[in-house]
Structures are given as structure tokens and as C-alpha cells.
């Protein structure tokens, strides 16, 4: 099963795709999200989202600046203040 992942800034929808896992730079520390993760909402700190397209894949790094992450039954939505690169 795949995790639906969306990355959004105030200006636009940056990503909307199915992935294996995302590691989020949470305000209280990094946390990984897989399909079926319990619902949670967290602030995010400046840092790198690590996006694993498939199990065992080399992660893609996306630099984000501040914002929030929400995990729901629909997947993971990251609302970032800005995305670098």
C-alpha cells in the first residue's frame, strides 16, 4: 500500500503523489510516516523532508522552512512556509 503525500506552500501545491514513506523534521524531532499511521498533527522545523518513493529506495531530500504536518486517514499533508530548491 502507498501513502498519499502532499506538499503545499501558501503559493502553490508543490507535490501530490503516492510514496512509500516520508520522514518529517517535526518540531519535537524527526518522525516517519507510512500508510496506516495514526492521525497526528505537528509543527515542523526548518530541515529536510526525506521522501522514499519505494521501499528500500534512496530518499529524495526536499528542504522546507517551517509549517505544519498533518497525518490523517487520507495520508500526509505538509503545509510548509516555503520550499527551498
Protein backbone atom coordinates (compact mmCIF):
# COMPACT_ATOMS: atom_id res chain seq x y z
CA UNK A 1 0.00 0.00 0.00
CA UNK A 2 1.15 3.53 -0.75
CA UNK A 3 0.97 6.70 1.31
CA UNK A 4 -0.67 9.72 -0.32
CA UNK A 5 1.72 12.68 0.21
CA UNK A 6 1.00 16.34 -0.46
CA UNK A 7 3.43 19.23 -0.01
CA UNK A 8 1.80 22.67 -0.07
CA UNK A 9 3.09 26.23 0.35
CA UNK A 10 0.99 29.41 0.57
CA UNK A 11 1.76 29.95 -3.13
CA UNK A 12 1.05 26.52 -4.64
CA UNK A 13 0.68 22.77 -4.46
CA UNK A 14 4.28 21.54 -4.78
CA UNK A 15 3.70 17.76 -4.73
CA UNK A 16 0.80 15.34 -4.74
CA UNK A 17 1.87 11.72 -5.17
CA UNK A 18 1.84 8.18 -3.83
CA UNK A 19 5.03 7.25 -1.94
CA UNK A 20 6.28 4.53 0.39
CA UNK A 21 7.37 6.71 3.34
CA UNK A 22 8.18 10.30 4.30
CA UNK A 23 10.44 11.35 7.19
CA UNK A 24 9.33 14.75 8.51
CA UNK A 25 11.50 17.21 10.50
CA UNK A 26 8.98 17.63 13.33
CA UNK A 27 9.16 20.31 15.97
CA UNK A 28 9.81 17.63 18.61
CA UNK A 29 12.10 15.53 16.40
CA UNK A 30 12.02 13.65 13.11
CA UNK A 31 9.21 11.16 12.54
CA UNK A 32 8.48 8.72 9.75
CA UNK A 33 5.06 8.29 8.16
CA UNK A 34 3.90 5.12 6.41
CA UNK A 35 0.44 4.19 5.12
CA UNK A 36 -1.83 3.49 8.11
CA UNK A 37 -0.02 5.86 10.51
CA UNK A 38 -2.13 7.09 13.42
CA UNK A 39 -3.61 10.57 12.95
CA UNK A 40 -1.32 13.31 14.24
CA UNK A 41 -0.62 17.00 13.74
CA UNK A 42 2.82 18.51 14.34
CA UNK A 43 4.73 21.68 13.75
CA UNK A 44 7.75 21.25 11.51
CA UNK A 45 11.13 22.89 11.86
CA UNK A 46 13.45 24.03 9.10
CA UNK A 47 15.02 20.93 7.62
CA UNK A 48 14.73 18.17 5.06
CA UNK A 49 11.72 16.07 4.20
CA UNK A 50 13.05 12.66 3.15
CA UNK A 51 10.74 11.10 0.56
CA UNK A 52 11.09 7.37 -0.14
CA UNK A 53 9.27 6.56 -3.40
CA UNK A 54 9.52 2.79 -2.80
CA UNK A 55 10.67 0.50 -0.01
CA UNK A 56 14.48 0.44 0.08
CA UNK A 57 14.81 3.39 -2.33
CA UNK A 58 17.33 6.18 -1.88
CA UNK A 59 15.34 9.09 -0.42
CA UNK A 60 14.75 12.37 -2.21
CA UNK A 61 15.52 15.35 0.03
CA UNK A 62 13.25 18.40 -0.04
CA UNK A 63 14.28 21.39 2.10
CA UNK A 64 11.37 23.06 3.90
CA UNK A 65 11.09 26.08 6.14
CA UNK A 66 8.57 25.98 8.99
CA UNK A 67 4.94 24.99 8.92
CA UNK A 68 2.76 22.05 9.92
CA UNK A 69 2.34 18.37 9.08
CA UNK A 70 -0.96 16.53 9.33
CA UNK A 71 -1.39 12.78 9.12
CA UNK A 72 -4.97 11.64 8.54
CA UNK A 73 -6.74 8.67 7.02
CA UNK A 74 -6.22 10.45 3.66
CA UNK A 75 -2.41 10.48 4.03
CA UNK A 76 0.25 13.07 4.90
CA UNK A 77 -0.12 16.76 4.14
CA UNK A 78 2.81 19.10 4.81
CA UNK A 79 1.94 22.80 4.88
CA UNK A 80 5.34 24.49 4.60
CA UNK A 81 6.03 28.22 4.83
CA UNK A 82 8.46 27.74 1.92
CA UNK A 83 10.31 25.08 -0.03
CA UNK A 84 13.96 25.59 -0.98
CA UNK A 85 15.02 24.36 -4.41
